[in-house]
Amino acid sequence: MNRSAIREQAFKLIYSLEIQKKENIEELIELYIESNNIVDKNAKKYINEVVVGIENNKEEIKKQIEKNLKAEWKIERISKIDLAILKLAIYEIKYTETPFKVAINEAVELAKKYGEDTSKNFVNGILASIVKE
């Protein structure tokens, strides 16, 4: 699995966690990996790291998103898909060695594939604002 495919799997899990109750994150990660037949050790490691990392830093990530929204927008207005993409990209930019250009490009690609027509511009705009800080 290449990094983009691994990132896409991580996004799908983050999205599913957005729309369901999160009781035991580690258990949900294992269940997701198992049910999607992910055997690549690097994929398992990456998915585990980003999902747990996002959970551990969720308040800071949420603040980053809220701070960069237009004044009249609230985080609750953001689609769950866009929110999952933003969380993944912000985590990569702030907490990993991933170059911000790579994180933004990958996020925009996910937004094109899974989001609405306006998602790619929205995601790109938020992430560009965060990087400028």
Protein backbone atom coordinates (compact mmCIF):
# COMPACT_ATOMS: atom_id res chain seq x y z
CA MET A 1 0.00 0.00 0.00
CA ASN A 2 1.34 3.42 -0.87
CA ARG A 3 1.05 6.35 1.55
CA SER A 4 -1.92 7.87 -0.29
CA ALA A 5 -3.87 4.61 -0.04
CA ILE A 6 -2.93 4.27 3.63
CA ARG A 7 -3.98 7.88 4.27
CA GLU A 8 -7.29 7.20 2.54
CA GLN A 9 -7.91 4.22 4.85
CA ALA A 10 -7.09 6.41 7.87
CA PHE A 11 -9.51 9.06 6.58
CA LYS A 12 -12.29 6.48 6.24
CA LEU A 13 -11.78 5.36 9.83
CA ILE A 14 -11.64 8.96 11.12
CA TYR A 15 -14.86 9.68 9.23
CA SER A 16 -16.59 6.63 10.69
CA LEU A 17 -15.52 7.76 14.17
CA GLU A 18 -17.08 11.18 13.45
CA ILE A 19 -20.49 9.61 12.89
CA GLN A 20 -20.50 7.00 15.64
CA LYS A 21 -19.87 6.90 19.36
CA LYS A 22 -16.25 6.43 20.29
CA GLU A 23 -15.92 4.14 23.25
CA ASN A 24 -12.69 2.25 22.83
CA ILE A 25 -10.54 3.84 20.10
CA GLU A 26 -7.92 1.07 20.07
CA GLU A 27 -10.61 -1.57 19.72
CA LEU A 28 -12.29 0.34 16.86
CA ILE A 29 -8.94 0.72 15.08
CA GLU A 30 -8.27 -3.02 15.35
CA LEU A 31 -11.78 -3.84 14.14
CA TYR A 32 -11.40 -1.47 11.16
CA ILE A 33 -7.99 -2.89 10.21
CA GLU A 34 -9.30 -6.44 10.49
CA SER A 35 -12.53 -5.87 8.58
CA ASN A 36 -10.69 -4.08 5.75
CA ASN A 37 -7.99 -6.78 5.50
CA ILE A 38 -5.16 -4.33 6.07
CA VAL A 39 -2.06 -6.46 6.53
CA ASP A 40 0.68 -3.95 5.69
CA LYS A 41 2.59 -3.22 8.92
CA ASN A 42 3.30 0.38 7.89
CA ALA A 43 -0.39 0.93 7.14
CA LYS A 44 -1.42 -0.46 10.54
CA LYS A 45 1.18 1.69 12.30
CA TYR A 46 0.22 4.88 10.43
CA ILE A 47 -3.54 4.39 10.91
CA ASN A 48 -3.05 3.70 14.60
CA GLU A 49 -0.74 6.70 15.09
CA VAL A 50 -2.95 9.25 13.33
CA VAL A 51 -6.25 8.10 14.83
CA VAL A 52 -4.87 7.96 18.38
CA GLY A 53 -2.94 11.20 17.75
CA ILE A 54 -6.07 13.00 16.56
CA GLU A 55 -8.00 11.72 19.58
CA ASN A 56 -5.23 12.83 21.99
CA ASN A 57 -5.00 16.29 20.39
CA LYS A 58 -8.67 16.77 19.47
CA GLU A 59 -9.14 20.01 21.44
CA GLU A 60 -6.12 21.70 19.86
CA ILE A 61 -7.11 20.49 16.38
CA LYS A 62 -10.67 21.72 16.91
CA LYS A 63 -9.33 25.15 17.99
CA GLN A 64 -7.20 25.32 14.82
CA ILE A 65 -10.26 24.67 12.67
CA GLU A 66 -12.52 27.10 14.55
CA LYS A 67 -9.88 29.85 14.51
CA ASN A 68 -9.65 29.64 10.72
CA LEU A 69 -13.37 29.56 9.91
CA LYS A 70 -15.20 32.62 8.63
CA ALA A 71 -16.72 34.67 11.46
CA GLU A 72 -20.28 33.50 10.88
CA TRP A 73 -19.33 29.81 10.59
CA LYS A 74 -19.43 27.26 13.40
CA ILE A 75 -17.59 23.95 13.35
CA GLU A 76 -20.97 22.15 13.51
CA ARG A 77 -21.73 23.44 9.99
CA ILE A 78 -18.79 21.58 8.47
CA SER A 79 -19.70 18.28 6.83
CA LYS A 80 -18.37 15.22 8.65
CA ILE A 81 -16.35 14.31 5.56
CA ASP A 82 -14.62 17.70 5.42
CA LEU A 83 -14.09 17.61 9.18
CA ALA A 84 -12.43 14.19 8.99
CA ILE A 85 -10.16 15.39 6.14
CA LEU A 86 -9.23 18.55 8.07
CA LYS A 87 -8.46 16.63 11.26
CA LEU A 88 -6.18 14.22 9.40
CA ALA A 89 -4.35 16.99 7.52
CA ILE A 90 -3.97 19.23 10.58
CA TYR A 91 -2.64 16.33 12.60
CA GLU A 92 -0.09 15.57 9.87
CA ILE A 93 0.95 19.23 9.57
CA LYS A 94 1.23 19.93 13.30
CA TYR A 95 2.31 16.63 14.82
CA THR A 96 4.25 14.67 12.18
CA GLU A 97 7.19 15.20 9.86
CA THR A 98 4.89 15.25 6.80
CA PRO A 99 5.67 18.33 4.66
CA PHE A 100 2.67 20.67 4.77
CA LYS A 101 2.45 20.78 0.96
CA VAL A 102 2.04 17.00 0.87
CA ALA A 103 -0.56 17.03 3.66
CA ILE A 104 -2.57 19.79 1.95
CA ASN A 105 -2.36 18.17 -1.49
CA GLU A 106 -3.49 14.80 -0.13
CA ALA A 107 -6.33 16.47 1.80
CA VAL A 108 -7.52 18.28 -1.33
CA GLU A 109 -7.44 15.00 -3.28
CA LEU A 110 -9.56 13.31 -0.59
CA ALA A 111 -11.95 16.28 -0.66
CA LYS A 112 -12.29 15.97 -4.46
CA LYS A 113 -12.99 12.24 -4.17
CA TYR A 114 -15.33 12.18 -1.16
CA GLY A 115 -16.54 15.71 -0.52
CA GLU A 116 -18.97 18.05 -2.18
CA ASP A 117 -18.07 20.34 -5.09
CA THR A 118 -16.99 23.10 -2.71
CA SER A 119 -15.04 20.81 -0.36
CA LYS A 120 -11.67 21.03 -2.10
CA ASN A 121 -11.62 24.84 -1.95
CA PHE A 122 -12.90 24.89 1.63
CA VAL A 123 -10.31 22.35 2.85
CA ASN A 124 -7.51 24.06 0.93
CA GLY A 125 -8.47 27.47 2.37
CA ILE A 126 -8.57 26.31 5.98
CA LEU A 127 -5.29 24.42 5.70
CA ALA A 128 -3.55 27.32 3.93
CA SER A 129 -4.64 29.65 6.75
CA ILE A 130 -3.29 27.24 9.37
CA VAL A 131 0.06 26.92 7.60
CA LYS A 132 0.42 30.73 7.34
CA GLU A 133 0.23 31.09 11.14
